[in-house]
């Protein structure tokens, strides 16, 4: 799995994108923990912001597809 946005065309691709973003965010948070970055600073990280944006988009598309 690469670090690129995938086109969300159906529920399956939305779920895959959500899983990918969750995995990447988890890796970033673990790395910041190891580096001693306090939790209140995590949201300042541009990669965290990027994956949160992707996660919100995928979640929104999934909700629309399920309605």
C-alpha atoms as a PDB file:
ATOM      1  CA  UNK A   1       0.000   0.000   0.000  1.00  0.00           C
ATOM      2  CA  UNK A   2       1.447   3.309  -1.044  1.00  0.00           C
ATOM      3  CA  UNK A   3       1.124   6.840   0.176  1.00  0.00           C
ATOM      4  CA  UNK A   4      -1.329   8.048  -2.427  1.00  0.00           C
ATOM      5  CA  UNK A   5      -5.013   8.836  -2.601  1.00  0.00           C
ATOM      6  CA  UNK A   6      -7.198   6.218  -4.168  1.00  0.00           C
ATOM      7  CA  UNK A   7     -10.357   6.933  -6.070  1.00  0.00           C
ATOM      8  CA  UNK A   8     -13.337   5.972  -3.954  1.00  0.00           C
ATOM      9  CA  UNK A   9     -15.904   4.431  -6.258  1.00  0.00           C
ATOM     10  CA  UNK A  10     -17.843   2.102  -3.983  1.00  0.00           C
ATOM     11  CA  UNK A  11     -18.273   0.947  -0.394  1.00  0.00           C
ATOM     12  CA  UNK A  12     -15.380  -1.494  -0.652  1.00  0.00           C
ATOM     13  CA  UNK A  13     -12.891   1.137  -1.831  1.00  0.00           C
ATOM     14  CA  UNK A  14     -14.122   3.566   0.865  1.00  0.00           C
ATOM     15  CA  UNK A  15     -13.581   0.940   3.559  1.00  0.00           C
ATOM     16  CA  UNK A  16     -10.136   0.159   2.137  1.00  0.00           C
ATOM     17  CA  UNK A  17      -9.237   3.874   2.194  1.00  0.00           C
ATOM     18  CA  UNK A  18     -10.466   4.222   5.792  1.00  0.00           C
ATOM     19  CA  UNK A  19      -8.366   1.225   6.840  1.00  0.00           C
ATOM     20  CA  UNK A  20      -5.293   2.621   5.042  1.00  0.00           C
ATOM     21  CA  UNK A  21      -5.667   6.049   6.685  1.00  0.00           C
ATOM     22  CA  UNK A  22      -6.210   4.511  10.122  1.00  0.00           C
ATOM     23  CA  UNK A  23      -3.104   2.374   9.671  1.00  0.00           C
ATOM     24  CA  UNK A  24      -0.980   5.339   8.558  1.00  0.00           C
ATOM     25  CA  UNK A  25      -2.270   7.555  11.382  1.00  0.00           C
ATOM     26  CA  UNK A  26      -1.515   4.821  13.890  1.00  0.00           C
ATOM     27  CA  UNK A  27       2.050   4.517  12.550  1.00  0.00           C
ATOM     28  CA  UNK A  28       2.530   8.297  12.743  1.00  0.00           C
ATOM     29  CA  UNK A  29       1.217   8.479  16.307  1.00  0.00           C
ATOM     30  CA  UNK A  30       3.441   5.594  17.393  1.00  0.00           C
ATOM     31  CA  UNK A  31       6.465   7.327  15.843  1.00  0.00           C
ATOM     32  CA  UNK A  32       5.625  10.627  17.530  1.00  0.00           C
ATOM     33  CA  UNK A  33       5.209   8.811  20.855  1.00  0.00           C
ATOM     34  CA  UNK A  34       8.657   7.269  20.443  1.00  0.00           C
ATOM     35  CA  UNK A  35      10.097  10.714  19.680  1.00  0.00           C
ATOM     36  CA  UNK A  36       8.443  12.178  22.777  1.00  0.00           C
ATOM     37  CA  UNK A  37       6.029  14.465  20.934  1.00  0.00           C
ATOM     38  CA  UNK A  38       3.186  15.363  23.334  1.00  0.00           C
ATOM     39  CA  UNK A  39      -0.339  14.379  22.180  1.00  0.00           C
ATOM     40  CA  UNK A  40      -1.475  18.014  22.023  1.00  0.00           C
ATOM     41  CA  UNK A  41       1.104  18.588  19.237  1.00  0.00           C
ATOM     42  CA  UNK A  42       0.083  15.624  17.048  1.00  0.00           C
ATOM     43  CA  UNK A  43      -2.498  17.615  15.096  1.00  0.00           C
ATOM     44  CA  UNK A  44       0.221  20.132  14.124  1.00  0.00           C
ATOM     45  CA  UNK A  45       1.914  17.457  11.997  1.00  0.00           C
ATOM     46  CA  UNK A  46       1.150  17.939   8.290  1.00  0.00           C
ATOM     47  CA  UNK A  47       1.026  14.196   7.582  1.00  0.00           C
ATOM     48  CA  UNK A  48      -1.482  13.705  10.411  1.00  0.00           C
ATOM     49  CA  UNK A  49      -3.608  16.495   8.921  1.00  0.00           C
ATOM     50  CA  UNK A  50      -3.339  14.886   5.467  1.00  0.00           C
ATOM     51  CA  UNK A  51      -4.498  11.461   6.644  1.00  0.00           C
ATOM     52  CA  UNK A  52      -7.292  12.947   8.748  1.00  0.00           C
ATOM     53  CA  UNK A  53      -8.497  14.820   5.646  1.00  0.00           C
ATOM     54  CA  UNK A  54      -8.421  11.599   3.591  1.00  0.00           C
ATOM     55  CA  UNK A  55     -10.164   9.716   6.394  1.00  0.00           C
ATOM     56  CA  UNK A  56     -12.967  12.274   6.630  1.00  0.00           C
ATOM     57  CA  UNK A  57     -13.437  12.235   2.851  1.00  0.00           C
ATOM     58  CA  UNK A  58     -13.601   8.433   2.713  1.00  0.00           C
ATOM     59  CA  UNK A  59     -15.989   8.299   5.660  1.00  0.00           C
ATOM     60  CA  UNK A  60     -18.240  10.887   4.019  1.00  0.00           C
ATOM     61  CA  UNK A  61     -18.298   8.965   0.734  1.00  0.00           C
ATOM     62  CA  UNK A  62     -19.048   5.714   2.567  1.00  0.00           C
ATOM     63  CA  UNK A  63     -22.001   7.284   4.378  1.00  0.00           C
ATOM     64  CA  UNK A  64     -23.356   8.645   1.076  1.00  0.00           C
ATOM     65  CA  UNK A  65     -22.973   5.254  -0.614  1.00  0.00           C
ATOM     66  CA  UNK A  66     -24.778   3.499   2.227  1.00  0.00           C
ATOM     67  CA  UNK A  67     -27.772   5.867   2.241  1.00  0.00           C
END
